[in-house]
Every structure is written in structure tokens, then in C-alpha cells.
Amino acid sequence: MKKKIYLLLWIIALLLYALIMPLRGVNFQWASVAHSVVFAILTWWALAKFAHKTEFWKVMLPLLAPWLFELVARLIIGENLFSLSVTIMPLWAVVTMALFYRRRNVLLLLLCAVLWLYGVTEGHKQWVEWVQYSDKPVGTVSLADCEVTDGEHTLGLSTIKSEFLVLDVWYSRCGVCLREMPHVEELRNEYKKTGKVEVVSLFVTLIDGETAVDGQRIMKELGCDIPVYTIDAKSPILKKCNIRQYPRVLILDKDKNVIFNGSLEFARRKLSDM
């Protein structure tokens, strides 16, 4: 393969990598899918076009290089591991097409495709949940002695009688928190008739000057009918549950022990399983 053509292959690979990169700012999963599909097609084309003219590894090098470099960078930095799947899945797609080109085994291709599909859907969700919440305390934390306010009265969580108590923890400037609020209300309505699950909103006054009234006002503006309780940044609830990022969903049992500490989607799954 001529040097100019080989250089062009490097340029094409890097250009496609860079052009799709901004999609990550919109949706990690769609970016992963787009990169995977584009690089799978590019890999097959490059191998079919040039593999018979030069060494196999030379054709593969520009196709693998962006993903191997990004993978090493993520592992060294360690701060972007929650989105690791957007690197692994395109890399998996490139390797899959290379294996299929060499082996021409349809069953192998189907198996790799199924694993890739799991990786960009459920696998990605499971990974993000594990990275963000696996170190959060569950099963050893009791909030029975913790207090909240409804704006007029202070009450202990132990006074809220229900078999399970779901706390949606949020603050006023958290865009994700506000976007998820209608889904929190859906969860509340789903379990309201059972009488076993109480879903409430736990507003954290992280901004100076905020009070319980602000949380209730925001809830009304969102058009949601969820009971709003309030705590401040010094609440032992935040410390005990290691809450530094929002939103956060806690599930408490009837004794107000924390049995779940994570995202809304997986909280819904936890309740369904129980």
C-alpha cells in the first residue's frame, strides 16, 4: 500500500472520530452507536481494499489507534470511567469486523453483535450505575433519627409510616433533577394505590437564602403533585448517604434503613423486584 493512501486512511479514521465526538455532548449512547457503526463500516472497507496489499496489522493500526489511545487516557485519568462504554463499544465493533474478515464465521459475528447491542443499551446503564453509586452506603445506614421540614413543622423520618419510603433528593439548580421530576411523580402515582410505598421529594437548600417555600414553589411550577420536604446542606442525611451529586434516590424500609442509594431508573427496578 502506498504511503499516500496509508496516510489518507489515518486521516479518514481520525476525521470520522473527531466529527462524531460532539454527539457525546448530546447523548453518550447515541455517540457510541454512531462511532461503532461508522468504524465497523470503515474497518470492513479498509480490510477489503488494502489487506491483500500489505500486512494486516498496518491496516488495523489507524482504525484501532483512536480507541486504544482514548482507552489508555481514560484509565490513566480515571475520572471519566462512567462513560467508558463509549470507548469500549466502537473498539469492540472494529475488532468484531476484523475477526469476521479473517474468520468469515457468521455465528461469531452474531455473537459479537449481540454483546455489542447489550453493551450500548443495558450494559451501559448497569456500568454507569455501578461507577456512580457502588461505593455509596446501603444496608448499614439508618435515617430513623433524621429530621426534615415541610416548611411549617419539623418531623422525623420515622414518623412517615410506610413499608417503603422513597426520597428523591434534589436542589434548585440541578437541571437533571427538574427534568426527572415528572418521572418521580409517575413512580408516586404507580405505587400510591398500594399503600406500601410513599414517594416524597427531598429539597436541599444548597443556595443561600433558599427555604422550604422555594422547593414547594418549584414543584408547583413543574406541575407536579409530590409532597416536598426540605433539608439544608448540613443535614446528616447527606453525610450518612454520601450524597454529593444530584439527583439521588434513596429507598428506606419500614425501620428507615437505607436499602437503595442510586438513580431513579434503578430505584424503580428495585421496587419492582421487591
C-alpha atoms as a PDB file:
ATOM      1  CA  MET A   1       0.000   0.000   0.000  1.00  0.00           C
ATOM      2  CA  LYS A   2       1.369   3.400  -0.992  1.00  0.00           C
ATOM      3  CA  LYS A   3       2.340   5.855   1.737  1.00  0.00           C
ATOM      4  CA  LYS A   4      -0.123   8.478   0.475  1.00  0.00           C
ATOM      5  CA  ILE A   5      -3.013   6.009   0.637  1.00  0.00           C
ATOM      6  CA  TYR A   6      -1.923   4.821   4.083  1.00  0.00           C
ATOM      7  CA  LEU A   7      -1.744   8.411   5.310  1.00  0.00           C
ATOM      8  CA  LEU A   8      -5.201   9.014   3.861  1.00  0.00           C
ATOM      9  CA  LEU A   9      -6.541   6.046   5.856  1.00  0.00           C
ATOM     10  CA  TRP A  10      -5.160   7.613   9.044  1.00  0.00           C
ATOM     11  CA  ILE A  11      -6.745  10.955   8.156  1.00  0.00           C
ATOM     12  CA  ILE A  12     -10.133   9.365   7.426  1.00  0.00           C
ATOM     13  CA  ALA A  13     -10.122   7.441  10.713  1.00  0.00           C
ATOM     14  CA  LEU A  14      -9.157  10.481  12.797  1.00  0.00           C
ATOM     15  CA  LEU A  15     -11.570  12.751  10.946  1.00  0.00           C
ATOM     16  CA  LEU A  16     -14.549  10.414  11.489  1.00  0.00           C
ATOM     17  CA  TYR A  17     -13.545  10.053  15.132  1.00  0.00           C
ATOM     18  CA  ALA A  18     -13.468  13.841  15.563  1.00  0.00           C
ATOM     19  CA  LEU A  19     -16.654  14.583  13.600  1.00  0.00           C
ATOM     20  CA  ILE A  20     -18.846  12.279  15.701  1.00  0.00           C
ATOM     21  CA  MET A  21     -17.226  13.288  19.015  1.00  0.00           C
ATOM     22  CA  PRO A  22     -19.553  16.309  19.623  1.00  0.00           C
ATOM     23  CA  LEU A  23     -22.514  13.935  19.730  1.00  0.00           C
ATOM     24  CA  ARG A  24     -21.284  12.834  23.152  1.00  0.00           C
ATOM     25  CA  GLY A  25     -22.362  16.187  24.483  1.00  0.00           C
ATOM     26  CA  VAL A  26     -25.928  15.327  23.487  1.00  0.00           C
ATOM     27  CA  ASN A  27     -26.152  11.611  24.264  1.00  0.00           C
ATOM     28  CA  PHE A  28     -23.384   9.179  25.191  1.00  0.00           C
ATOM     29  CA  GLN A  29     -25.254   6.128  23.924  1.00  0.00           C
ATOM     30  CA  TRP A  30     -26.048   7.586  20.510  1.00  0.00           C
ATOM     31  CA  ALA A  31     -22.442   8.704  20.142  1.00  0.00           C
ATOM     32  CA  SER A  32     -21.300   5.185  20.942  1.00  0.00           C
ATOM     33  CA  VAL A  33     -23.687   3.708  18.382  1.00  0.00           C
ATOM     34  CA  ALA A  34     -22.678   6.212  15.690  1.00  0.00           C
ATOM     35  CA  HIS A  35     -18.955   5.667  16.235  1.00  0.00           C
ATOM     36  CA  SER A  36     -19.437   1.886  16.287  1.00  0.00           C
ATOM     37  CA  VAL A  37     -21.409   1.728  13.043  1.00  0.00           C
ATOM     38  CA  VAL A  38     -19.145   4.148  11.171  1.00  0.00           C
ATOM     39  CA  PHE A  39     -15.934   2.435  12.267  1.00  0.00           C
ATOM     40  CA  ALA A  40     -17.337  -1.046  11.591  1.00  0.00           C
ATOM     41  CA  ILE A  41     -18.074   0.007   8.008  1.00  0.00           C
ATOM     42  CA  LEU A  42     -14.693   1.717   7.701  1.00  0.00           C
ATOM     43  CA  THR A  43     -12.915  -1.378   9.036  1.00  0.00           C
ATOM     44  CA  TRP A  44     -14.587  -3.705   6.556  1.00  0.00           C
ATOM     45  CA  TRP A  45     -13.898  -1.333   3.653  1.00  0.00           C
ATOM     46  CA  ALA A  46     -10.266  -0.798   4.608  1.00  0.00           C
ATOM     47  CA  LEU A  47      -9.554  -4.508   5.025  1.00  0.00           C
ATOM     48  CA  ALA A  48     -11.307  -5.443   1.798  1.00  0.00           C
ATOM     49  CA  LYS A  49      -9.444  -2.693  -0.053  1.00  0.00           C
ATOM     50  CA  PHE A  50      -5.933  -2.897   1.371  1.00  0.00           C
ATOM     51  CA  ALA A  51      -5.399  -6.063   3.467  1.00  0.00           C
ATOM     52  CA  HIS A  52      -4.218  -8.031   0.430  1.00  0.00           C
ATOM     53  CA  LYS A  53      -1.663  -5.330  -0.413  1.00  0.00           C
ATOM     54  CA  THR A  54       0.080  -5.007   2.939  1.00  0.00           C
ATOM     55  CA  GLU A  55       0.311  -6.517   6.412  1.00  0.00           C
ATOM     56  CA  PHE A  56      -2.992  -6.962   8.242  1.00  0.00           C
ATOM     57  CA  TRP A  57      -1.796  -5.056  11.315  1.00  0.00           C
ATOM     58  CA  LYS A  58      -0.870  -1.993   9.240  1.00  0.00           C
ATOM     59  CA  VAL A  59      -4.443  -1.649   8.034  1.00  0.00           C
ATOM     60  CA  MET A  60      -5.792  -2.158  11.547  1.00  0.00           C
ATOM     61  CA  LEU A  61      -3.475   0.318  13.253  1.00  0.00           C
ATOM     62  CA  PRO A  62      -5.189   3.580  12.146  1.00  0.00           C
ATOM     63  CA  LEU A  63      -8.606   2.033  12.871  1.00  0.00           C
ATOM     64  CA  LEU A  64      -7.686   0.963  16.395  1.00  0.00           C
ATOM     65  CA  ALA A  65      -5.427   3.890  17.316  1.00  0.00           C
ATOM     66  CA  PRO A  66      -8.115   6.474  18.331  1.00  0.00           C
ATOM     67  CA  TRP A  67      -9.854   3.991  20.618  1.00  0.00           C
ATOM     68  CA  LEU A  68      -6.743   2.499  22.191  1.00  0.00           C
ATOM     69  CA  PHE A  69      -5.385   5.988  22.869  1.00  0.00           C
ATOM     70  CA  GLU A  70      -8.696   7.105  24.384  1.00  0.00           C
ATOM     71  CA  LEU A  71      -8.953   3.935  26.472  1.00  0.00           C
ATOM     72  CA  VAL A  72      -5.461   4.383  27.915  1.00  0.00           C
ATOM     73  CA  ALA A  73      -6.170   8.068  28.620  1.00  0.00           C
ATOM     74  CA  ARG A  74      -9.399   7.211  30.466  1.00  0.00           C
ATOM     75  CA  LEU A  75      -7.695   4.559  32.571  1.00  0.00           C
ATOM     76  CA  ILE A  76      -4.835   6.902  33.475  1.00  0.00           C
ATOM     77  CA  ILE A  77      -7.045   9.889  34.299  1.00  0.00           C
ATOM     78  CA  GLY A  78      -9.662   7.728  35.991  1.00  0.00           C
ATOM     79  CA  GLU A  79     -12.290  10.488  36.161  1.00  0.00           C
ATOM     80  CA  ASN A  80     -14.296   9.569  33.059  1.00  0.00           C
ATOM     81  CA  LEU A  81     -14.871   5.901  33.753  1.00  0.00           C
ATOM     82  CA  PHE A  82     -18.656   6.303  33.901  1.00  0.00           C
ATOM     83  CA  SER A  83     -18.646   6.844  30.116  1.00  0.00           C
ATOM     84  CA  LEU A  84     -16.110   4.100  29.415  1.00  0.00           C
ATOM     85  CA  SER A  85     -18.587   2.228  27.219  1.00  0.00           C
ATOM     86  CA  VAL A  86     -18.421   4.967  24.547  1.00  0.00           C
ATOM     87  CA  THR A  87     -14.806   3.920  24.072  1.00  0.00           C
ATOM     88  CA  ILE A  88     -15.189   0.161  24.512  1.00  0.00           C
ATOM     89  CA  MET A  89     -18.127  -0.317  22.135  1.00  0.00           C
ATOM     90  CA  PRO A  90     -16.567   1.268  18.999  1.00  0.00           C
ATOM     91  CA  LEU A  91     -13.348  -0.605  19.780  1.00  0.00           C
ATOM     92  CA  TRP A  92     -15.419  -3.779  20.046  1.00  0.00           C
ATOM     93  CA  ALA A  93     -17.041  -3.027  16.664  1.00  0.00           C
ATOM     94  CA  VAL A  94     -13.649  -2.619  14.972  1.00  0.00           C
ATOM     95  CA  VAL A  95     -12.314  -5.870  16.466  1.00  0.00           C
ATOM     96  CA  THR A  96     -15.541  -7.689  15.523  1.00  0.00           C
ATOM     97  CA  MET A  97     -15.285  -6.688  11.878  1.00  0.00           C
ATOM     98  CA  ALA A  98     -11.602  -7.635  11.819  1.00  0.00           C
ATOM     99  CA  LEU A  99     -12.392 -11.083  13.256  1.00  0.00           C
ATOM    100  CA  PHE A 100     -15.211 -11.592  10.782  1.00  0.00           C
ATOM    101  CA  TYR A 101     -12.966 -10.564   7.905  1.00  0.00           C
ATOM    102  CA  ARG A 102     -10.369 -13.131   8.934  1.00  0.00           C
ATOM    103  CA  ARG A 103     -12.699 -15.959  10.011  1.00  0.00           C
ATOM    104  CA  ARG A 104     -15.819 -15.356   7.904  1.00  0.00           C
ATOM    105  CA  ASN A 105     -17.827 -17.001  10.703  1.00  0.00           C
ATOM    106  CA  VAL A 106     -21.419 -15.758  10.771  1.00  0.00           C
ATOM    107  CA  LEU A 107     -22.093 -17.223  14.240  1.00  0.00           C
ATOM    108  CA  LEU A 108     -19.093 -15.344  15.621  1.00  0.00           C
ATOM    109  CA  LEU A 109     -20.381 -12.146  14.028  1.00  0.00           C
ATOM    110  CA  LEU A 110     -23.855 -12.635  15.514  1.00  0.00           C
ATOM    111  CA  LEU A 111     -22.455 -13.352  18.983  1.00  0.00           C
ATOM    112  CA  CYS A 112     -20.265 -10.253  18.878  1.00  0.00           C
ATOM    113  CA  ALA A 113     -23.204  -8.188  17.575  1.00  0.00           C
ATOM    114  CA  VAL A 114     -25.437  -9.354  20.447  1.00  0.00           C
ATOM    115  CA  LEU A 115     -22.753  -8.492  23.005  1.00  0.00           C
ATOM    116  CA  TRP A 116     -22.283  -5.091  21.355  1.00  0.00           C
ATOM    117  CA  LEU A 117     -26.040  -4.435  21.447  1.00  0.00           C
ATOM    118  CA  TYR A 118     -26.120  -5.284  25.156  1.00  0.00           C
ATOM    119  CA  GLY A 119     -23.120  -3.047  25.740  1.00  0.00           C
ATOM    120  CA  VAL A 120     -24.684   0.069  24.176  1.00  0.00           C
ATOM    121  CA  THR A 121     -28.026  -0.422  25.957  1.00  0.00           C
ATOM    122  CA  GLU A 122     -28.438  -2.261  29.257  1.00  0.00           C
ATOM    123  CA  GLY A 123     -24.724  -2.809  29.768  1.00  0.00           C
ATOM    124  CA  HIS A 124     -24.078   0.936  29.556  1.00  0.00           C
ATOM    125  CA  LYS A 125     -26.793   1.655  32.130  1.00  0.00           C
ATOM    126  CA  GLN A 126     -25.519  -1.010  34.515  1.00  0.00           C
ATOM    127  CA  TRP A 127     -21.967   0.275  34.202  1.00  0.00           C
ATOM    128  CA  VAL A 128     -22.925   3.913  34.853  1.00  0.00           C
ATOM    129  CA  GLU A 129     -24.972   2.897  37.908  1.00  0.00           C
ATOM    130  CA  TRP A 130     -22.090   0.835  39.285  1.00  0.00           C
ATOM    131  CA  VAL A 131     -19.464   3.551  38.744  1.00  0.00           C
ATOM    132  CA  GLN A 132     -21.586   6.312  40.264  1.00  0.00           C
ATOM    133  CA  TYR A 133     -23.184   4.507  43.183  1.00  0.00           C
ATOM    134  CA  SER A 134     -21.371   1.239  44.003  1.00  0.00           C
ATOM    135  CA  ASP A 135     -19.384   2.896  46.805  1.00  0.00           C
ATOM    136  CA  LYS A 136     -22.457   4.510  48.379  1.00  0.00           C
ATOM    137  CA  PRO A 137     -23.526   3.073  51.754  1.00  0.00           C
ATOM    138  CA  VAL A 138     -26.503   0.710  51.660  1.00  0.00           C
ATOM    139  CA  GLY A 139     -27.780  -1.697  54.304  1.00  0.00           C
ATOM    140  CA  THR A 140     -25.710  -0.217  57.134  1.00  0.00           C
ATOM    141  CA  VAL A 141     -27.260   3.257  57.339  1.00  0.00           C
ATOM    142  CA  SER A 142     -30.280   4.211  59.392  1.00  0.00           C
ATOM    143  CA  LEU A 143     -32.090   7.509  58.883  1.00  0.00           C
ATOM    144  CA  ALA A 144     -34.643   6.879  61.629  1.00  0.00           C
ATOM    145  CA  ASP A 145     -33.257   9.727  63.748  1.00  0.00           C
ATOM    146  CA  CYS A 146     -33.023  12.223  60.864  1.00  0.00           C
ATOM    147  CA  GLU A 147     -35.387  15.172  60.549  1.00  0.00           C
ATOM    148  CA  VAL A 148     -36.901  17.153  57.677  1.00  0.00           C
ATOM    149  CA  THR A 149     -39.274  20.099  57.484  1.00  0.00           C
ATOM    150  CA  ASP A 150     -42.411  20.723  55.464  1.00  0.00           C
ATOM    151  CA  GLY A 151     -41.997  24.491  55.861  1.00  0.00           C
ATOM    152  CA  GLU A 152     -44.111  24.736  58.984  1.00  0.00           C
ATOM    153  CA  HIS A 153     -43.149  21.759  61.101  1.00  0.00           C
ATOM    154  CA  THR A 154     -40.062  19.690  61.704  1.00  0.00           C
ATOM    155  CA  LEU A 155     -40.658  15.961  61.715  1.00  0.00           C
ATOM    156  CA  GLY A 156     -38.584  12.824  61.930  1.00  0.00           C
ATOM    157  CA  LEU A 157     -38.486  10.425  59.003  1.00  0.00           C
ATOM    158  CA  SER A 158     -39.598   7.711  61.428  1.00  0.00           C
ATOM    159  CA  THR A 159     -42.980   9.443  61.672  1.00  0.00           C
ATOM    160  CA  ILE A 160     -43.673   8.796  57.973  1.00  0.00           C
ATOM    161  CA  LYS A 161     -45.386   5.440  58.162  1.00  0.00           C
ATOM    162  CA  SER A 162     -44.997   3.211  55.122  1.00  0.00           C
ATOM    163  CA  GLU A 163     -43.472  -0.139  54.289  1.00  0.00           C
ATOM    164  CA  PHE A 164     -41.054   1.630  51.926  1.00  0.00           C
ATOM    165  CA  LEU A 165     -40.169   5.320  51.773  1.00  0.00           C
ATOM    166  CA  VAL A 166     -38.666   6.715  48.562  1.00  0.00           C
ATOM    167  CA  LEU A 167     -36.756  10.002  48.870  1.00  0.00           C
ATOM    168  CA  ASP A 168     -35.975  11.912  45.670  1.00  0.00           C
ATOM    169  CA  VAL A 169     -33.108  14.183  46.715  1.00  0.00           C
ATOM    170  CA  TRP A 170     -32.569  17.320  44.586  1.00  0.00           C
ATOM    171  CA  TYR A 171     -31.722  21.016  44.575  1.00  0.00           C
ATOM    172  CA  SER A 172     -32.981  24.029  42.642  1.00  0.00           C
ATOM    173  CA  ARG A 173     -30.208  24.446  40.055  1.00  0.00           C
ATOM    174  CA  CYS A 174     -29.947  20.795  39.069  1.00  0.00           C
ATOM    175  CA  GLY A 175     -31.352  20.584  35.542  1.00  0.00           C
ATOM    176  CA  VAL A 176     -31.432  16.787  35.538  1.00  0.00           C
ATOM    177  CA  CYS A 177     -33.349  16.849  38.835  1.00  0.00           C
ATOM    178  CA  LEU A 178     -36.045  19.072  37.374  1.00  0.00           C
ATOM    179  CA  ARG A 179     -36.321  17.045  34.153  1.00  0.00           C
ATOM    180  CA  GLU A 180     -36.743  13.841  36.137  1.00  0.00           C
ATOM    181  CA  MET A 181     -39.436  15.222  38.447  1.00  0.00           C
ATOM    182  CA  PRO A 182     -42.399  14.164  36.224  1.00  0.00           C
ATOM    183  CA  HIS A 183     -40.979  10.629  36.252  1.00  0.00           C
ATOM    184  CA  VAL A 184     -40.781  10.767  40.044  1.00  0.00           C
ATOM    185  CA  GLU A 185     -44.458  11.720  40.048  1.00  0.00           C
ATOM    186  CA  GLU A 186     -45.202   8.777  37.746  1.00  0.00           C
ATOM    187  CA  LEU A 187     -43.494   6.483  40.249  1.00  0.00           C
ATOM    188  CA  ARG A 188     -45.520   8.004  43.081  1.00  0.00           C
ATOM    189  CA  ASN A 189     -48.792   7.525  41.212  1.00  0.00           C
ATOM    190  CA  GLU A 190     -47.826   3.975  40.284  1.00  0.00           C
ATOM    191  CA  TYR A 191     -47.486   2.908  43.930  1.00  0.00           C
ATOM    192  CA  LYS A 192     -49.949   5.286  45.582  1.00  0.00           C
ATOM    193  CA  LYS A 193     -52.830   2.797  45.475  1.00  0.00           C
ATOM    194  CA  THR A 194     -50.816   0.000  47.098  1.00  0.00           C
ATOM    195  CA  GLY A 195     -50.406   1.895  50.355  1.00  0.00           C
ATOM    196  CA  LYS A 196     -46.999   0.275  50.817  1.00  0.00           C
ATOM    197  CA  VAL A 197     -44.734   2.806  49.124  1.00  0.00           C
ATOM    198  CA  GLU A 198     -44.573   6.508  49.934  1.00  0.00           C
ATOM    199  CA  VAL A 199     -42.688   8.671  47.408  1.00  0.00           C
ATOM    200  CA  VAL A 200     -41.660  12.154  48.560  1.00  0.00           C
ATOM    201  CA  SER A 201     -39.389  14.932  47.330  1.00  0.00           C
ATOM    202  CA  LEU A 202     -36.424  15.973  49.476  1.00  0.00           C
ATOM    203  CA  PHE A 203     -35.387  19.522  48.568  1.00  0.00           C
ATOM    204  CA  VAL A 204     -31.863  20.525  49.610  1.00  0.00           C
ATOM    205  CA  THR A 205     -31.322  24.258  50.192  1.00  0.00           C
ATOM    206  CA  LEU A 206     -27.813  24.474  48.764  1.00  0.00           C
ATOM    207  CA  ILE A 207     -28.273  28.055  47.536  1.00  0.00           C
ATOM    208  CA  ASP A 208     -28.003  30.844  50.116  1.00  0.00           C
ATOM    209  CA  GLY A 209     -31.355  32.278  51.135  1.00  0.00           C
ATOM    210  CA  GLU A 210     -33.456  29.335  49.944  1.00  0.00           C
ATOM    211  CA  THR A 211     -36.182  27.936  52.158  1.00  0.00           C
ATOM    212  CA  ALA A 212     -38.795  25.202  52.028  1.00  0.00           C
ATOM    213  CA  VAL A 213     -41.090  27.658  50.240  1.00  0.00           C
ATOM    214  CA  ASP A 214     -38.735  27.717  47.243  1.00  0.00           C
ATOM    215  CA  GLY A 215     -38.886  23.947  46.901  1.00  0.00           C
ATOM    216  CA  GLN A 216     -42.671  23.950  47.051  1.00  0.00           C
ATOM    217  CA  ARG A 217     -42.844  26.791  44.526  1.00  0.00           C
ATOM    218  CA  ILE A 218     -40.583  24.962  42.071  1.00  0.00           C
ATOM    219  CA  MET A 219     -42.680  21.825  42.428  1.00  0.00           C
ATOM    220  CA  LYS A 220     -45.833  23.776  41.549  1.00  0.00           C
ATOM    221  CA  GLU A 221     -44.117  25.405  38.572  1.00  0.00           C
ATOM    222  CA  LEU A 222     -43.220  21.947  37.307  1.00  0.00           C
ATOM    223  CA  GLY A 223     -46.881  20.957  37.567  1.00  0.00           C
ATOM    224  CA  CYS A 224     -46.085  18.050  39.872  1.00  0.00           C
ATOM    225  CA  ASP A 225     -48.026  16.980  42.949  1.00  0.00           C
ATOM    226  CA  ILE A 226     -45.329  15.441  45.140  1.00  0.00           C
ATOM    227  CA  PRO A 227     -45.009  16.160  48.874  1.00  0.00           C
ATOM    228  CA  VAL A 228     -41.939  18.352  49.386  1.00  0.00           C
ATOM    229  CA  TYR A 229     -39.784  18.095  52.472  1.00  0.00           C
ATOM    230  CA  THR A 230     -36.674  20.204  52.982  1.00  0.00           C
ATOM    231  CA  ILE A 231     -33.213  19.793  54.473  1.00  0.00           C
ATOM    232  CA  ASP A 232     -30.156  22.036  54.444  1.00  0.00           C
ATOM    233  CA  ALA A 233     -26.600  21.274  53.348  1.00  0.00           C
ATOM    234  CA  LYS A 234     -25.658  20.238  56.908  1.00  0.00           C
ATOM    235  CA  SER A 235     -28.314  17.547  57.166  1.00  0.00           C
ATOM    236  CA  PRO A 236     -26.969  14.192  58.420  1.00  0.00           C
ATOM    237  CA  ILE A 237     -28.958  12.552  55.619  1.00  0.00           C
ATOM    238  CA  LEU A 238     -26.464  13.872  53.060  1.00  0.00           C
ATOM    239  CA  LYS A 239     -23.457  12.831  55.133  1.00  0.00           C
ATOM    240  CA  LYS A 240     -24.726   9.388  56.053  1.00  0.00           C
ATOM    241  CA  CYS A 241     -25.678   8.557  52.458  1.00  0.00           C
ATOM    242  CA  ASN A 242     -22.571  10.192  50.945  1.00  0.00           C
ATOM    243  CA  ILE A 243     -24.625  12.470  48.695  1.00  0.00           C
ATOM    244  CA  ARG A 244     -22.514  14.964  46.761  1.00  0.00           C
ATOM    245  CA  GLN A 245     -24.154  14.707  43.334  1.00  0.00           C
ATOM    246  CA  TYR A 246     -27.784  15.122  42.356  1.00  0.00           C
ATOM    247  CA  PRO A 247     -30.351  13.832  41.741  1.00  0.00           C
ATOM    248  CA  ARG A 248     -30.205  10.912  44.142  1.00  0.00           C
ATOM    249  CA  VAL A 249     -32.930   8.449  45.060  1.00  0.00           C
ATOM    250  CA  LEU A 250     -32.985   6.649  48.394  1.00  0.00           C
ATOM    251  CA  ILE A 251     -35.283   3.789  49.360  1.00  0.00           C
ATOM    252  CA  LEU A 252     -35.842   3.198  53.066  1.00  0.00           C
ATOM    253  CA  ASP A 253     -37.509   0.180  54.638  1.00  0.00           C
ATOM    254  CA  LYS A 254     -40.143   0.448  57.365  1.00  0.00           C
ATOM    255  CA  ASP A 255     -37.424   0.930  60.006  1.00  0.00           C
ATOM    256  CA  LYS A 256     -35.936   3.720  57.870  1.00  0.00           C
ATOM    257  CA  ASN A 257     -32.803   1.781  56.983  1.00  0.00           C
ATOM    258  CA  VAL A 258     -31.343   2.652  53.557  1.00  0.00           C
ATOM    259  CA  ILE A 259     -31.801  -0.326  51.219  1.00  0.00           C
ATOM    260  CA  PHE A 260     -31.113   1.534  47.951  1.00  0.00           C
ATOM    261  CA  ASN A 261     -28.923   4.503  47.042  1.00  0.00           C
ATOM    262  CA  GLY A 262     -28.761   5.345  43.342  1.00  0.00           C
ATOM    263  CA  SER A 263     -30.630   6.583  40.284  1.00  0.00           C
ATOM    264  CA  LEU A 264     -34.356   6.861  39.640  1.00  0.00           C
ATOM    265  CA  GLU A 265     -34.381   4.176  36.936  1.00  0.00           C
ATOM    266  CA  PHE A 266     -32.711   1.595  39.138  1.00  0.00           C
ATOM    267  CA  ALA A 267     -34.823   2.617  42.130  1.00  0.00           C
ATOM    268  CA  ARG A 268     -37.875   1.766  40.028  1.00  0.00           C
ATOM    269  CA  ARG A 269     -36.328  -1.613  39.246  1.00  0.00           C
ATOM    270  CA  LYS A 270     -35.581  -2.206  42.936  1.00  0.00           C
ATOM    271  CA  LEU A 271     -39.176  -1.517  43.914  1.00  0.00           C
ATOM    272  CA  SER A 272     -40.453  -3.742  41.136  1.00  0.00           C
ATOM    273  CA  ASP A 273     -38.222  -6.597  42.289  1.00  0.00           C
ATOM    274  CA  MET A 274     -39.398  -6.228  45.854  1.00  0.00           C
END
